Amino acid sequence: MTRNFKMDLNALKAIDLEDPRKQNQVLRYRENLIKEAGSKSEAIRRLNAEGWTRTQIADFLGLRYQHVRTVLITPLTSKAR
């Protein structure tokens, strides 16, 4: 049985990502976001559209800041849309 977790991105911004008690909750949100988005790059774009900073996105997704920056400054091609 698959459970759907509500993706409340604004609430996630307030969660202390270093708090061990919140790790499982945060991991579930991260996994669901990437799964629903279809790729890490699309997840980055969605978080950016929600107002997250590049640093917040990198920390949340476990990526390097440079990767997040590259995704956000590189325009989508017509094939990628």
N, C-alpha and C. Protein backbone atom coordinates (compact mmCIF):
# COMPACT_ATOMS: atom_id res chain seq x y z
N MET A 1 0.85 -1.19 0.00
CA MET A 1 0.00 0.00 0.00
C MET A 1 0.89 1.24 0.00
N THR A 2 0.66 2.12 -0.94
CA THR A 2 1.44 3.34 -1.05
C THR A 2 0.72 4.48 -0.37
N ARG A 3 1.45 5.22 0.44
CA ARG A 3 0.88 6.39 1.11
C ARG A 3 1.34 7.64 0.41
N ASN A 4 0.43 8.58 0.22
CA ASN A 4 0.79 9.87 -0.35
C ASN A 4 1.08 10.84 0.77
N PHE A 5 2.19 11.52 0.68
CA PHE A 5 2.55 12.52 1.67
C PHE A 5 2.34 13.89 1.07
N LYS A 6 1.65 14.74 1.79
CA LYS A 6 1.41 16.09 1.32
C LYS A 6 2.74 16.84 1.24
N MET A 7 2.97 17.47 0.12
CA MET A 7 4.20 18.21 -0.08
C MET A 7 4.00 19.67 0.37
N ASP A 8 4.21 19.95 1.63
CA ASP A 8 4.09 21.30 2.16
C ASP A 8 5.48 21.92 2.19
N LEU A 9 5.87 22.50 1.06
CA LEU A 9 7.23 23.00 0.91
C LEU A 9 7.53 24.16 1.84
N ASN A 10 6.55 25.01 2.11
CA ASN A 10 6.80 26.14 3.01
C ASN A 10 7.09 25.66 4.42
N ALA A 11 6.42 24.61 4.86
CA ALA A 11 6.68 24.07 6.19
C ALA A 11 8.07 23.43 6.23
N LEU A 12 8.50 22.84 5.14
CA LEU A 12 9.81 22.22 5.11
C LEU A 12 10.94 23.24 5.27
N LYS A 13 10.73 24.45 4.76
CA LYS A 13 11.77 25.47 4.89
C LYS A 13 12.07 25.76 6.36
N ALA A 14 11.08 25.60 7.22
CA ALA A 14 11.24 25.91 8.64
C ALA A 14 11.83 24.76 9.44
N ILE A 15 11.93 23.57 8.85
CA ILE A 15 12.45 22.41 9.58
C ILE A 15 13.96 22.48 9.67
N ASP A 16 14.48 22.22 10.86
CA ASP A 16 15.92 22.16 11.07
C ASP A 16 16.42 20.84 10.47
N LEU A 17 17.12 20.92 9.35
CA LEU A 17 17.56 19.72 8.65
C LEU A 17 18.60 18.93 9.42
N GLU A 18 19.17 19.52 10.45
CA GLU A 18 20.17 18.82 11.27
C GLU A 18 19.54 18.08 12.45
N ASP A 19 18.27 18.31 12.71
CA ASP A 19 17.58 17.67 13.83
C ASP A 19 17.34 16.20 13.52
N PRO A 20 17.97 15.27 14.24
CA PRO A 20 17.83 13.84 13.93
C PRO A 20 16.39 13.35 14.02
N ARG A 21 15.57 13.97 14.85
CA ARG A 21 14.17 13.55 14.99
C ARG A 21 13.35 13.85 13.74
N LYS A 22 13.82 14.78 12.94
CA LYS A 22 13.08 15.18 11.75
C LYS A 22 13.63 14.52 10.47
N GLN A 23 14.71 13.77 10.58
CA GLN A 23 15.36 13.21 9.40
C GLN A 23 14.44 12.33 8.56
N ASN A 24 13.68 11.41 9.17
CA ASN A 24 12.81 10.53 8.40
C ASN A 24 11.73 11.31 7.65
N GLN A 25 11.15 12.28 8.30
CA GLN A 25 10.13 13.11 7.67
C GLN A 25 10.71 13.86 6.48
N VAL A 26 11.87 14.44 6.68
CA VAL A 26 12.52 15.20 5.62
C VAL A 26 12.90 14.29 4.45
N LEU A 27 13.41 13.10 4.75
CA LEU A 27 13.79 12.17 3.69
C LEU A 27 12.58 11.75 2.86
N ARG A 28 11.45 11.52 3.50
CA ARG A 28 10.23 11.16 2.76
C ARG A 28 9.79 12.29 1.84
N TYR A 29 9.80 13.52 2.34
CA TYR A 29 9.44 14.66 1.50
C TYR A 29 10.39 14.78 0.31
N ARG A 30 11.69 14.63 0.56
CA ARG A 30 12.69 14.75 -0.50
C ARG A 30 12.48 13.66 -1.56
N GLU A 31 12.30 12.41 -1.12
CA GLU A 31 12.09 11.31 -2.06
C GLU A 31 10.83 11.52 -2.89
N ASN A 32 9.75 11.95 -2.24
CA ASN A 32 8.50 12.18 -2.97
C ASN A 32 8.62 13.33 -3.95
N LEU A 33 9.30 14.39 -3.56
CA LEU A 33 9.48 15.53 -4.46
C LEU A 33 10.23 15.11 -5.72
N ILE A 34 11.33 14.41 -5.55
CA ILE A 34 12.13 13.99 -6.71
C ILE A 34 11.33 13.02 -7.58
N LYS A 35 10.59 12.12 -6.95
CA LYS A 35 9.78 11.15 -7.70
C LYS A 35 8.69 11.87 -8.50
N GLU A 36 7.98 12.79 -7.87
CA GLU A 36 6.91 13.52 -8.55
C GLU A 36 7.46 14.44 -9.64
N ALA A 37 8.62 15.04 -9.40
CA ALA A 37 9.21 15.94 -10.38
C ALA A 37 9.79 15.18 -11.57
N GLY A 38 10.24 13.97 -11.34
CA GLY A 38 10.80 13.17 -12.43
C GLY A 38 12.30 13.26 -12.55
N SER A 39 12.90 14.28 -11.94
CA SER A 39 14.36 14.42 -11.96
C SER A 39 14.78 15.40 -10.87
N LYS A 40 16.04 15.34 -10.51
CA LYS A 40 16.54 16.28 -9.51
C LYS A 40 16.51 17.70 -10.06
N SER A 41 16.79 17.84 -11.35
CA SER A 41 16.78 19.18 -11.95
C SER A 41 15.40 19.81 -11.87
N GLU A 42 14.37 19.05 -12.15
CA GLU A 42 13.01 19.58 -12.06
C GLU A 42 12.64 19.87 -10.62
N ALA A 43 13.11 19.05 -9.69
CA ALA A 43 12.87 19.32 -8.27
C ALA A 43 13.52 20.64 -7.87
N ILE A 44 14.72 20.89 -8.38
CA ILE A 44 15.41 22.15 -8.11
C ILE A 44 14.58 23.31 -8.62
N ARG A 45 14.07 23.19 -9.84
CA ARG A 45 13.26 24.27 -10.42
C ARG A 45 11.98 24.51 -9.61
N ARG A 46 11.35 23.44 -9.15
CA ARG A 46 10.12 23.59 -8.35
C ARG A 46 10.40 24.29 -7.03
N LEU A 47 11.46 23.89 -6.35
CA LEU A 47 11.80 24.54 -5.08
C LEU A 47 12.15 26.00 -5.30
N ASN A 48 12.85 26.29 -6.38
CA ASN A 48 13.19 27.67 -6.70
C ASN A 48 11.93 28.49 -6.95
N ALA A 49 10.97 27.91 -7.64
CA ALA A 49 9.71 28.60 -7.91
C ALA A 49 8.93 28.87 -6.61
N GLU A 50 9.16 28.06 -5.60
CA GLU A 50 8.50 28.25 -4.30
C GLU A 50 9.21 29.30 -3.45
N GLY A 51 10.33 29.82 -3.94
CA GLY A 51 11.03 30.87 -3.21
C GLY A 51 12.21 30.41 -2.38
N TRP A 52 12.61 29.14 -2.53
CA TRP A 52 13.76 28.64 -1.79
C TRP A 52 15.04 29.24 -2.36
N THR A 53 16.01 29.48 -1.50
CA THR A 53 17.31 29.96 -1.97
C THR A 53 18.12 28.79 -2.52
N ARG A 54 19.14 29.10 -3.27
CA ARG A 54 20.00 28.04 -3.82
C ARG A 54 20.64 27.22 -2.71
N THR A 55 21.04 27.88 -1.64
CA THR A 55 21.65 27.17 -0.52
C THR A 55 20.65 26.23 0.14
N GLN A 56 19.42 26.69 0.35
CA GLN A 56 18.39 25.84 0.94
C GLN A 56 18.11 24.62 0.06
N ILE A 57 18.04 24.84 -1.25
CA ILE A 57 17.78 23.74 -2.18
C ILE A 57 18.91 22.72 -2.12
N ALA A 58 20.15 23.21 -2.17
CA ALA A 58 21.31 22.32 -2.13
C ALA A 58 21.33 21.51 -0.84
N ASP A 59 21.10 22.16 0.27
CA ASP A 59 21.09 21.46 1.56
C ASP A 59 19.97 20.42 1.63
N PHE A 60 18.78 20.81 1.19
CA PHE A 60 17.63 19.92 1.27
C PHE A 60 17.78 18.69 0.37
N LEU A 61 18.25 18.89 -0.85
CA LEU A 61 18.37 17.78 -1.79
C LEU A 61 19.70 17.03 -1.66
N GLY A 62 20.61 17.54 -0.84
CA GLY A 62 21.90 16.88 -0.67
C GLY A 62 22.79 17.03 -1.89
N LEU A 63 22.70 18.19 -2.53
CA LEU A 63 23.49 18.46 -3.73
C LEU A 63 24.48 19.59 -3.46
N ARG A 64 25.42 19.73 -4.36
CA ARG A 64 26.33 20.86 -4.26
C ARG A 64 25.65 22.13 -4.74
N TYR A 65 26.02 23.23 -4.14
CA TYR A 65 25.47 24.53 -4.53
C TYR A 65 25.68 24.77 -6.02
N GLN A 66 26.85 24.43 -6.52
CA GLN A 66 27.18 24.68 -7.92
C GLN A 66 26.22 23.94 -8.86
N HIS A 67 25.83 22.74 -8.50
CA HIS A 67 24.88 21.99 -9.34
C HIS A 67 23.54 22.71 -9.38
N VAL A 68 23.07 23.15 -8.24
CA VAL A 68 21.81 23.88 -8.16
C VAL A 68 21.88 25.14 -9.00
N ARG A 69 22.96 25.89 -8.87
CA ARG A 69 23.15 27.13 -9.63
C ARG A 69 23.13 26.85 -11.12
N THR A 70 23.85 25.82 -11.54
CA THR A 70 23.93 25.48 -12.96
C THR A 70 22.55 25.15 -13.53
N VAL A 71 21.78 24.38 -12.79
CA VAL A 71 20.43 24.03 -13.24
C VAL A 71 19.58 25.29 -13.39
N LEU A 72 19.69 26.20 -12.45
CA LEU A 72 18.84 27.38 -12.46
C LEU A 72 19.23 28.41 -13.50
N ILE A 73 20.51 28.48 -13.85
CA ILE A 73 20.91 29.50 -14.84
C ILE A 73 20.93 28.97 -16.26
N THR A 74 20.83 27.65 -16.42
CA THR A 74 20.83 27.07 -17.76
C THR A 74 19.40 27.05 -18.30
N PRO A 75 19.17 27.70 -19.44
CA PRO A 75 17.81 27.70 -19.99
C PRO A 75 17.41 26.32 -20.48
N LEU A 76 16.11 26.02 -20.36
CA LEU A 76 15.61 24.76 -20.86
C LEU A 76 15.57 24.78 -22.38
N THR A 77 15.89 23.68 -22.99
CA THR A 77 15.76 23.60 -24.45
C THR A 77 14.35 23.14 -24.77
N SER A 78 13.94 23.27 -26.01
CA SER A 78 12.58 22.88 -26.38
C SER A 78 12.36 21.38 -26.18
N LYS A 79 13.41 20.56 -26.32
CA LYS A 79 13.28 19.11 -26.12
C LYS A 79 13.06 18.79 -24.65
N ALA A 80 13.64 19.57 -23.74
CA ALA A 80 13.54 19.30 -22.31
C ALA A 80 12.19 19.73 -21.74
N ARG A 81 11.49 20.57 -22.42
CA ARG A 81 10.20 21.06 -21.90
C ARG A 81 9.19 20.04 -22.17
